[in-house]
Amino acid sequence: MARDYIAAPETPWAYVSDQVMGGVSEGQAAWNDGALRLAGQVSTANRGGFIQVRTRIDTPIGADAAGLVLDVRGNGERYFVHLRTRGTILPWQYYQAGFETAEDWQRVRLPFSEFAPSGRGLRGSVRPETVVSIGLAAFGRDHAARVELRSLEIY
């Protein structure tokens, strides 16, 4: 399970914000020295509150996978990984786990058991083999966002 979803050039990442639903958060995602950087201003105005960069998972994750390992740094804010599965049909459905950042690079382990469903209508826990996308999100509160991801692997 050593595939790195950052280093793999065939793994495209796409930026999305709450503007698709009428929100006003602004940001951008860009590659910087081998890391994917998500930065911008998150605003909860107009029922918004997120900026995100995500990638599709075309090769299924094994059912025996335990979680994700990320190498990240940021501006000291809390950020989130959002997983979408074959069961997350509606745009606002996902599974979420958070992590803290610091100015220095750090390794973060997020067990699949720590991912919580975004609301009703979803299974209580993530089944790794059903994951169809992974997103890095600045979410849920007004703040300046800056987070970098240089490695994302399954363990």
N, C-alpha and C. Protein backbone atom coordinates (compact mmCIF):
# COMPACT_ATOMS: atom_id res chain seq x y z
N MET A 1 0.82 -1.19 0.00
CA MET A 1 0.00 0.00 0.00
C MET A 1 0.87 1.25 0.00
N ALA A 2 1.96 1.24 -0.69
CA ALA A 2 2.91 2.35 -0.63
C ALA A 2 2.63 3.45 -1.64
N ARG A 3 1.51 3.43 -2.32
CA ARG A 3 1.23 4.47 -3.30
C ARG A 3 1.10 5.83 -2.60
N ASP A 4 1.85 6.81 -3.11
CA ASP A 4 1.79 8.16 -2.58
C ASP A 4 0.91 8.99 -3.51
N TYR A 5 -0.21 9.46 -3.02
CA TYR A 5 -1.18 10.17 -3.85
C TYR A 5 -0.74 11.60 -4.18
N ILE A 6 0.37 12.05 -3.65
CA ILE A 6 0.93 13.34 -4.02
C ILE A 6 1.98 13.15 -5.10
N ALA A 7 2.87 12.18 -4.91
CA ALA A 7 3.99 11.98 -5.83
C ALA A 7 3.54 11.40 -7.17
N ALA A 8 2.43 10.71 -7.20
CA ALA A 8 1.98 10.07 -8.44
C ALA A 8 1.47 11.12 -9.42
N PRO A 9 2.18 11.32 -10.54
CA PRO A 9 1.75 12.37 -11.48
C PRO A 9 0.40 12.08 -12.13
N GLU A 10 -0.02 10.84 -12.12
CA GLU A 10 -1.31 10.51 -12.72
C GLU A 10 -2.48 10.79 -11.79
N THR A 11 -2.20 11.31 -10.61
CA THR A 11 -3.23 11.61 -9.64
C THR A 11 -3.54 13.10 -9.66
N PRO A 12 -4.53 13.53 -10.44
CA PRO A 12 -4.84 14.96 -10.50
C PRO A 12 -5.65 15.41 -9.27
N TRP A 13 -5.37 16.61 -8.82
CA TRP A 13 -6.08 17.22 -7.70
C TRP A 13 -6.86 18.41 -8.24
N ALA A 14 -8.09 18.60 -7.76
CA ALA A 14 -8.95 19.69 -8.23
C ALA A 14 -9.37 20.55 -7.04
N TYR A 15 -9.35 21.87 -7.25
CA TYR A 15 -9.78 22.82 -6.23
C TYR A 15 -11.29 23.00 -6.32
N VAL A 16 -11.94 23.10 -5.16
CA VAL A 16 -13.37 23.40 -5.10
C VAL A 16 -13.62 24.23 -3.84
N SER A 17 -14.60 25.13 -3.91
CA SER A 17 -14.94 25.94 -2.73
C SER A 17 -16.45 25.98 -2.55
N ASP A 18 -16.85 26.61 -1.46
CA ASP A 18 -18.28 26.75 -1.19
C ASP A 18 -18.99 27.64 -2.21
N GLN A 19 -18.25 28.28 -3.10
CA GLN A 19 -18.88 29.11 -4.13
C GLN A 19 -19.77 28.30 -5.06
N VAL A 20 -19.54 26.99 -5.15
CA VAL A 20 -20.42 26.14 -5.96
C VAL A 20 -21.83 26.08 -5.37
N MET A 21 -21.97 26.49 -4.10
CA MET A 21 -23.27 26.46 -3.42
C MET A 21 -23.68 27.86 -2.96
N GLY A 22 -23.04 28.91 -3.48
CA GLY A 22 -23.40 30.27 -3.12
C GLY A 22 -22.57 30.89 -2.02
N GLY A 23 -21.59 30.16 -1.50
CA GLY A 23 -20.71 30.70 -0.46
C GLY A 23 -19.73 31.72 -1.03
N VAL A 24 -18.94 32.33 -0.16
CA VAL A 24 -18.03 33.40 -0.59
C VAL A 24 -16.57 33.14 -0.24
N SER A 25 -16.25 31.94 0.23
CA SER A 25 -14.85 31.62 0.53
C SER A 25 -14.02 31.68 -0.74
N GLU A 26 -12.78 32.13 -0.60
CA GLU A 26 -11.89 32.24 -1.76
C GLU A 26 -10.57 31.58 -1.44
N GLY A 27 -9.98 30.95 -2.45
CA GLY A 27 -8.69 30.32 -2.25
C GLY A 27 -8.13 29.80 -3.54
N GLN A 28 -7.09 29.01 -3.40
CA GLN A 28 -6.47 28.39 -4.55
C GLN A 28 -5.62 27.21 -4.09
N ALA A 29 -5.37 26.33 -5.01
CA ALA A 29 -4.47 25.21 -4.76
C ALA A 29 -3.38 25.26 -5.82
N ALA A 30 -2.15 25.04 -5.41
CA ALA A 30 -1.02 25.10 -6.33
C ALA A 30 0.08 24.18 -5.84
N TRP A 31 0.91 23.74 -6.77
CA TRP A 31 2.08 22.94 -6.42
C TRP A 31 3.21 23.88 -6.08
N ASN A 32 3.94 23.59 -4.98
CA ASN A 32 5.01 24.43 -4.51
C ASN A 32 6.11 23.53 -3.94
N ASP A 33 7.23 23.42 -4.63
CA ASP A 33 8.37 22.61 -4.15
C ASP A 33 7.98 21.18 -3.81
N GLY A 34 7.21 20.53 -4.67
CA GLY A 34 6.83 19.14 -4.46
C GLY A 34 5.70 18.93 -3.48
N ALA A 35 5.07 20.00 -3.03
CA ALA A 35 3.95 19.89 -2.10
C ALA A 35 2.73 20.58 -2.70
N LEU A 36 1.59 20.09 -2.32
CA LEU A 36 0.32 20.69 -2.74
C LEU A 36 -0.10 21.68 -1.67
N ARG A 37 -0.27 22.94 -2.05
CA ARG A 37 -0.62 24.00 -1.10
C ARG A 37 -2.06 24.45 -1.33
N LEU A 38 -2.83 24.48 -0.26
CA LEU A 38 -4.19 25.01 -0.26
C LEU A 38 -4.16 26.26 0.60
N ALA A 39 -4.58 27.38 0.03
CA ALA A 39 -4.54 28.64 0.78
C ALA A 39 -5.71 29.51 0.37
N GLY A 40 -6.15 30.34 1.30
CA GLY A 40 -7.23 31.27 1.01
C GLY A 40 -7.90 31.77 2.26
N GLN A 41 -9.09 32.32 2.07
CA GLN A 41 -9.87 32.87 3.17
C GLN A 41 -11.19 32.11 3.23
N VAL A 42 -11.42 31.43 4.35
CA VAL A 42 -12.66 30.68 4.55
C VAL A 42 -13.66 31.60 5.24
N SER A 43 -14.86 31.67 4.69
CA SER A 43 -15.92 32.50 5.26
C SER A 43 -17.20 31.68 5.40
N THR A 44 -17.82 31.83 6.55
CA THR A 44 -19.10 31.15 6.77
C THR A 44 -20.28 32.00 6.32
N ALA A 45 -20.00 33.18 5.76
CA ALA A 45 -21.07 34.05 5.25
C ALA A 45 -21.83 33.34 4.13
N ASN A 46 -23.09 33.65 4.02
CA ASN A 46 -23.94 33.12 2.95
C ASN A 46 -24.01 31.59 2.97
N ARG A 47 -23.98 31.02 4.19
CA ARG A 47 -24.07 29.58 4.40
C ARG A 47 -22.90 28.81 3.78
N GLY A 48 -21.74 29.46 3.73
CA GLY A 48 -20.55 28.82 3.19
C GLY A 48 -19.67 28.29 4.30
N GLY A 49 -18.39 28.11 3.97
CA GLY A 49 -17.45 27.72 5.00
C GLY A 49 -16.41 26.69 4.63
N PHE A 50 -16.01 26.62 3.33
CA PHE A 50 -14.92 25.69 3.02
C PHE A 50 -14.20 26.04 1.73
N ILE A 51 -12.92 25.66 1.70
CA ILE A 51 -12.15 25.52 0.47
C ILE A 51 -11.52 24.14 0.56
N GLN A 52 -11.33 23.51 -0.59
CA GLN A 52 -10.85 22.12 -0.59
C GLN A 52 -10.11 21.81 -1.88
N VAL A 53 -9.20 20.88 -1.77
CA VAL A 53 -8.56 20.29 -2.94
C VAL A 53 -8.73 18.78 -2.79
N ARG A 54 -9.13 18.10 -3.88
CA ARG A 54 -9.40 16.66 -3.75
C ARG A 54 -8.99 15.91 -5.01
N THR A 55 -8.83 14.60 -4.80
CA THR A 55 -8.46 13.71 -5.88
C THR A 55 -9.36 12.48 -5.86
N ARG A 56 -9.63 11.97 -7.04
CA ARG A 56 -10.41 10.73 -7.16
C ARG A 56 -9.51 9.54 -6.89
N ILE A 57 -10.10 8.49 -6.35
CA ILE A 57 -9.39 7.23 -6.10
C ILE A 57 -9.91 6.24 -7.14
N ASP A 58 -9.10 6.00 -8.16
CA ASP A 58 -9.51 5.09 -9.23
C ASP A 58 -9.16 3.65 -8.93
N THR A 59 -8.06 3.43 -8.20
CA THR A 59 -7.67 2.10 -7.79
C THR A 59 -8.17 1.90 -6.36
N PRO A 60 -9.07 0.96 -6.14
CA PRO A 60 -9.66 0.82 -4.81
C PRO A 60 -8.62 0.61 -3.71
N ILE A 61 -8.91 1.19 -2.57
CA ILE A 61 -8.11 0.98 -1.37
C ILE A 61 -8.50 -0.39 -0.82
N GLY A 62 -7.56 -1.15 -0.34
CA GLY A 62 -7.85 -2.48 0.19
C GLY A 62 -8.73 -2.43 1.44
N ALA A 63 -9.57 -3.43 1.59
CA ALA A 63 -10.46 -3.51 2.75
C ALA A 63 -9.68 -3.63 4.06
N ASP A 64 -8.43 -4.10 3.97
CA ASP A 64 -7.61 -4.27 5.17
C ASP A 64 -6.82 -3.01 5.55
N ALA A 65 -6.97 -1.92 4.79
CA ALA A 65 -6.25 -0.68 5.10
C ALA A 65 -6.74 -0.11 6.43
N ALA A 66 -5.81 0.46 7.21
CA ALA A 66 -6.15 0.99 8.52
C ALA A 66 -6.38 2.50 8.54
N GLY A 67 -5.76 3.22 7.58
CA GLY A 67 -5.92 4.67 7.58
C GLY A 67 -5.00 5.36 6.62
N LEU A 68 -4.86 6.67 6.82
CA LEU A 68 -4.03 7.52 5.98
C LEU A 68 -2.84 8.06 6.77
N VAL A 69 -1.74 8.28 6.07
CA VAL A 69 -0.57 8.95 6.64
C VAL A 69 -0.30 10.17 5.77
N LEU A 70 -0.22 11.35 6.41
CA LEU A 70 0.01 12.59 5.70
C LEU A 70 1.26 13.27 6.22
N ASP A 71 2.04 13.87 5.33
CA ASP A 71 3.10 14.79 5.73
C ASP A 71 2.57 16.18 5.43
N VAL A 72 2.39 16.98 6.49
CA VAL A 72 1.73 18.28 6.35
C VAL A 72 2.47 19.36 7.14
N ARG A 73 2.21 20.58 6.75
CA ARG A 73 2.58 21.75 7.55
C ARG A 73 1.57 22.84 7.23
N GLY A 74 1.52 23.83 8.11
CA GLY A 74 0.54 24.89 7.88
C GLY A 74 0.74 26.05 8.83
N ASN A 75 -0.32 26.82 8.98
CA ASN A 75 -0.25 28.06 9.75
C ASN A 75 -0.79 27.91 11.17
N GLY A 76 -0.78 26.69 11.69
CA GLY A 76 -1.22 26.46 13.06
C GLY A 76 -2.71 26.24 13.22
N GLU A 77 -3.44 26.25 12.13
CA GLU A 77 -4.89 26.02 12.17
C GLU A 77 -5.19 24.53 12.10
N ARG A 78 -6.43 24.20 12.38
CA ARG A 78 -6.92 22.81 12.25
C ARG A 78 -7.48 22.64 10.84
N TYR A 79 -7.10 21.54 10.20
CA TYR A 79 -7.58 21.21 8.86
C TYR A 79 -8.19 19.82 8.88
N PHE A 80 -8.78 19.43 7.77
CA PHE A 80 -9.54 18.20 7.72
C PHE A 80 -9.26 17.42 6.45
N VAL A 81 -9.40 16.11 6.56
CA VAL A 81 -9.44 15.25 5.39
C VAL A 81 -10.90 14.80 5.25
N HIS A 82 -11.42 14.96 4.06
CA HIS A 82 -12.78 14.53 3.74
C HIS A 82 -12.71 13.35 2.79
N LEU A 83 -13.38 12.29 3.14
CA LEU A 83 -13.47 11.11 2.27
C LEU A 83 -14.89 11.01 1.73
N ARG A 84 -14.98 10.76 0.44
CA ARG A 84 -16.27 10.44 -0.16
C ARG A 84 -16.21 8.97 -0.55
N THR A 85 -17.33 8.30 -0.40
CA THR A 85 -17.42 6.87 -0.69
C THR A 85 -18.52 6.63 -1.72
N ARG A 86 -18.66 5.39 -2.12
CA ARG A 86 -19.76 5.05 -3.04
C ARG A 86 -21.12 5.34 -2.39
N GLY A 87 -21.17 5.45 -1.07
CA GLY A 87 -22.41 5.71 -0.36
C GLY A 87 -22.70 7.18 -0.08
N THR A 88 -21.75 8.07 -0.40
CA THR A 88 -21.98 9.51 -0.20
C THR A 88 -22.51 10.08 -1.51
N ILE A 89 -23.81 10.08 -1.64
CA ILE A 89 -24.46 10.46 -2.88
C ILE A 89 -24.64 11.98 -2.98
N LEU A 90 -25.09 12.61 -1.91
CA LEU A 90 -25.37 14.04 -1.91
C LEU A 90 -24.08 14.85 -1.76
N PRO A 91 -24.01 16.05 -2.34
CA PRO A 91 -22.77 16.84 -2.30
C PRO A 91 -22.26 17.16 -0.91
N TRP A 92 -23.14 17.25 0.07
CA TRP A 92 -22.73 17.61 1.43
C TRP A 92 -22.44 16.39 2.30
N GLN A 93 -22.40 15.22 1.72
CA GLN A 93 -22.09 14.00 2.47
C GLN A 93 -20.61 13.64 2.31
N TYR A 94 -19.98 13.31 3.44
CA TYR A 94 -18.57 12.91 3.46
C TYR A 94 -18.25 12.35 4.83
N TYR A 95 -17.07 11.80 4.98
CA TYR A 95 -16.53 11.39 6.27
C TYR A 95 -15.35 12.31 6.55
N GLN A 96 -15.21 12.76 7.79
CA GLN A 96 -14.23 13.79 8.13
C GLN A 96 -13.38 13.40 9.33
N ALA A 97 -12.08 13.71 9.23
CA ALA A 97 -11.16 13.61 10.37
C ALA A 97 -10.27 14.85 10.33
N GLY A 98 -9.98 15.41 11.50
CA GLY A 98 -9.20 16.63 11.58
C GLY A 98 -7.79 16.41 12.09
N PHE A 99 -6.95 17.40 11.85
CA PHE A 99 -5.58 17.38 12.35
C PHE A 99 -5.09 18.82 12.52
N GLU A 100 -4.14 18.98 13.43
CA GLU A 100 -3.54 20.30 13.68
C GLU A 100 -2.28 20.45 12.83
N THR A 101 -1.95 21.70 12.50
CA THR A 101 -0.74 21.96 11.74
C THR A 101 0.22 22.83 12.54
N ALA A 102 1.46 22.84 12.07
CA ALA A 102 2.52 23.69 12.61
C ALA A 102 3.37 24.15 11.43
N GLU A 103 4.25 25.10 11.67
CA GLU A 103 5.11 25.62 10.59
C GLU A 103 6.07 24.56 10.05
N ASP A 104 6.49 23.62 10.89
CA ASP A 104 7.40 22.56 10.46
C ASP A 104 6.61 21.37 9.94
N TRP A 105 7.22 20.61 9.05
CA TRP A 105 6.59 19.40 8.52
C TRP A 105 6.37 18.41 9.65
N GLN A 106 5.24 17.76 9.63
CA GLN A 106 4.93 16.71 10.60
C GLN A 106 4.18 15.58 9.91
N ARG A 107 4.32 14.41 10.48
CA ARG A 107 3.63 13.22 9.97
C ARG A 107 2.38 13.00 10.81
N VAL A 108 1.24 12.88 10.15
CA VAL A 108 -0.04 12.71 10.82
C VAL A 108 -0.65 11.38 10.37
N ARG A 109 -1.08 10.57 11.33
CA ARG A 109 -1.77 9.32 11.03
C ARG A 109 -3.25 9.50 11.35
N LEU A 110 -4.09 9.21 10.38
CA LEU A 110 -5.54 9.31 10.57
C LEU A 110 -6.16 7.93 10.33
N PRO A 111 -6.43 7.20 11.40
CA PRO A 111 -7.08 5.89 11.23
C PRO A 111 -8.48 6.08 10.63
N PHE A 112 -8.89 5.16 9.77
CA PHE A 112 -10.23 5.25 9.20
C PHE A 112 -11.29 5.25 10.30
N SER A 113 -10.99 4.67 11.44
CA SER A 113 -11.94 4.63 12.55
C SER A 113 -12.21 6.02 13.14
N GLU A 114 -11.34 7.01 12.86
CA GLU A 114 -11.53 8.37 13.37
C GLU A 114 -12.37 9.24 12.44
N PHE A 115 -12.70 8.75 11.25
CA PHE A 115 -13.49 9.54 10.30
C PHE A 115 -14.97 9.46 10.68
N ALA A 116 -15.57 10.61 10.91
CA ALA A 116 -16.98 10.68 11.32
C ALA A 116 -17.85 11.07 10.13
N PRO A 117 -19.05 10.51 10.03
CA PRO A 117 -19.96 10.89 8.94
C PRO A 117 -20.44 12.33 9.13
N SER A 118 -20.70 13.01 8.01
CA SER A 118 -21.12 14.41 8.06
C SER A 118 -22.56 14.60 8.49
N GLY A 119 -23.32 13.56 8.53
CA GLY A 119 -24.71 13.70 8.95
C GLY A 119 -25.45 12.38 8.86
N ARG A 120 -26.75 12.50 8.93
CA ARG A 120 -27.59 11.30 8.87
C ARG A 120 -27.57 10.68 7.48
N GLY A 121 -27.94 9.43 7.44
CA GLY A 121 -28.04 8.74 6.15
C GLY A 121 -26.75 8.07 5.71
N LEU A 122 -25.70 8.18 6.51
CA LEU A 122 -24.43 7.53 6.17
C LEU A 122 -24.13 6.45 7.21
N ARG A 123 -23.39 5.44 6.77
CA ARG A 123 -22.89 4.43 7.71
C ARG A 123 -22.13 5.13 8.82
N GLY A 124 -22.04 4.50 9.95
CA GLY A 124 -21.32 5.07 11.08
C GLY A 124 -19.82 5.10 10.92
N SER A 125 -19.29 4.25 10.03
CA SER A 125 -17.84 4.20 9.83
C SER A 125 -17.51 4.00 8.35
N VAL A 126 -16.31 4.40 8.01
CA VAL A 126 -15.82 4.29 6.62
C VAL A 126 -15.36 2.87 6.34
N ARG A 127 -15.75 2.33 5.22
CA ARG A 127 -15.16 1.08 4.71
C ARG A 127 -14.15 1.49 3.65
N PRO A 128 -12.86 1.28 3.88
CA PRO A 128 -11.81 1.77 2.97
C PRO A 128 -12.03 1.39 1.51
N GLU A 129 -12.52 0.20 1.26
CA GLU A 129 -12.68 -0.27 -0.12
C GLU A 129 -13.76 0.50 -0.88
N THR A 130 -14.55 1.33 -0.20
CA THR A 130 -15.60 2.11 -0.87
C THR A 130 -15.20 3.56 -1.13
N VAL A 131 -14.00 3.99 -0.68
CA VAL A 131 -13.57 5.38 -0.85
C VAL A 131 -13.36 5.69 -2.33
N VAL A 132 -13.96 6.79 -2.79
CA VAL A 132 -13.83 7.20 -4.19
C VAL A 132 -13.08 8.52 -4.34
N SER A 133 -12.94 9.31 -3.25
CA SER A 133 -12.13 10.53 -3.33
C SER A 133 -11.61 10.91 -1.94
N ILE A 134 -10.47 11.61 -1.96
CA ILE A 134 -9.85 12.13 -0.74
C ILE A 134 -9.69 13.63 -0.94
N GLY A 135 -10.13 14.41 0.05
CA GLY A 135 -10.00 15.85 -0.02
C GLY A 135 -9.28 16.42 1.18
N LEU A 136 -8.53 17.48 0.96
CA LEU A 136 -7.88 18.25 2.01
C LEU A 136 -8.68 19.54 2.13
N ALA A 137 -9.23 19.82 3.32
CA ALA A 137 -10.18 20.92 3.45
C ALA A 137 -9.84 21.87 4.59
N ALA A 138 -10.06 23.15 4.32
CA ALA A 138 -10.13 24.19 5.34
C ALA A 138 -11.62 24.42 5.49
N PHE A 139 -12.15 24.25 6.71
CA PHE A 139 -13.58 24.04 6.84
C PHE A 139 -14.16 24.55 8.15
N GLY A 140 -15.38 25.06 8.07
CA GLY A 140 -16.23 25.21 9.24
C GLY A 140 -16.16 26.48 10.06
N ARG A 141 -15.24 27.36 9.78
CA ARG A 141 -15.14 28.60 10.57
C ARG A 141 -14.41 29.65 9.73
N ASP A 142 -14.61 30.91 10.09
CA ASP A 142 -13.92 32.01 9.41
C ASP A 142 -12.44 31.98 9.80
N HIS A 143 -11.58 31.88 8.80
CA HIS A 143 -10.14 31.92 9.08
C HIS A 143 -9.33 32.00 7.80
N ALA A 144 -8.07 32.45 7.96
CA ALA A 144 -7.10 32.41 6.87
C ALA A 144 -6.52 31.00 6.83
N ALA A 145 -6.54 30.40 5.66
CA ALA A 145 -6.08 29.02 5.50
C ALA A 145 -4.76 28.97 4.75
N ARG A 146 -3.87 28.11 5.24
CA ARG A 146 -2.63 27.79 4.52
C ARG A 146 -2.15 26.45 5.03
N VAL A 147 -2.27 25.44 4.19
CA VAL A 147 -1.84 24.10 4.56
C VAL A 147 -1.16 23.48 3.35
N GLU A 148 -0.08 22.74 3.60
CA GLU A 148 0.65 22.06 2.53
C GLU A 148 0.70 20.57 2.82
N LEU A 149 0.58 19.80 1.76
CA LEU A 149 0.59 18.34 1.83
C LEU A 149 1.67 17.85 0.87
N ARG A 150 2.70 17.17 1.41
CA ARG A 150 3.76 16.68 0.52
C ARG A 150 3.75 15.18 0.34
N SER A 151 2.96 14.48 1.17
CA SER A 151 2.84 13.04 1.02
C SER A 151 1.50 12.59 1.60
N LEU A 152 0.85 11.67 0.89
CA LEU A 152 -0.41 11.09 1.36
C LEU A 152 -0.38 9.62 0.97
N GLU A 153 -0.34 8.75 1.97
CA GLU A 153 -0.27 7.31 1.73
C GLU A 153 -1.31 6.59 2.56
N ILE A 154 -1.58 5.37 2.15
CA ILE A 154 -2.47 4.49 2.88
C ILE A 154 -1.61 3.57 3.75
N TYR A 155 -2.04 3.30 4.98
CA TYR A 155 -1.32 2.33 5.79
C TYR A 155 -2.27 1.24 6.24
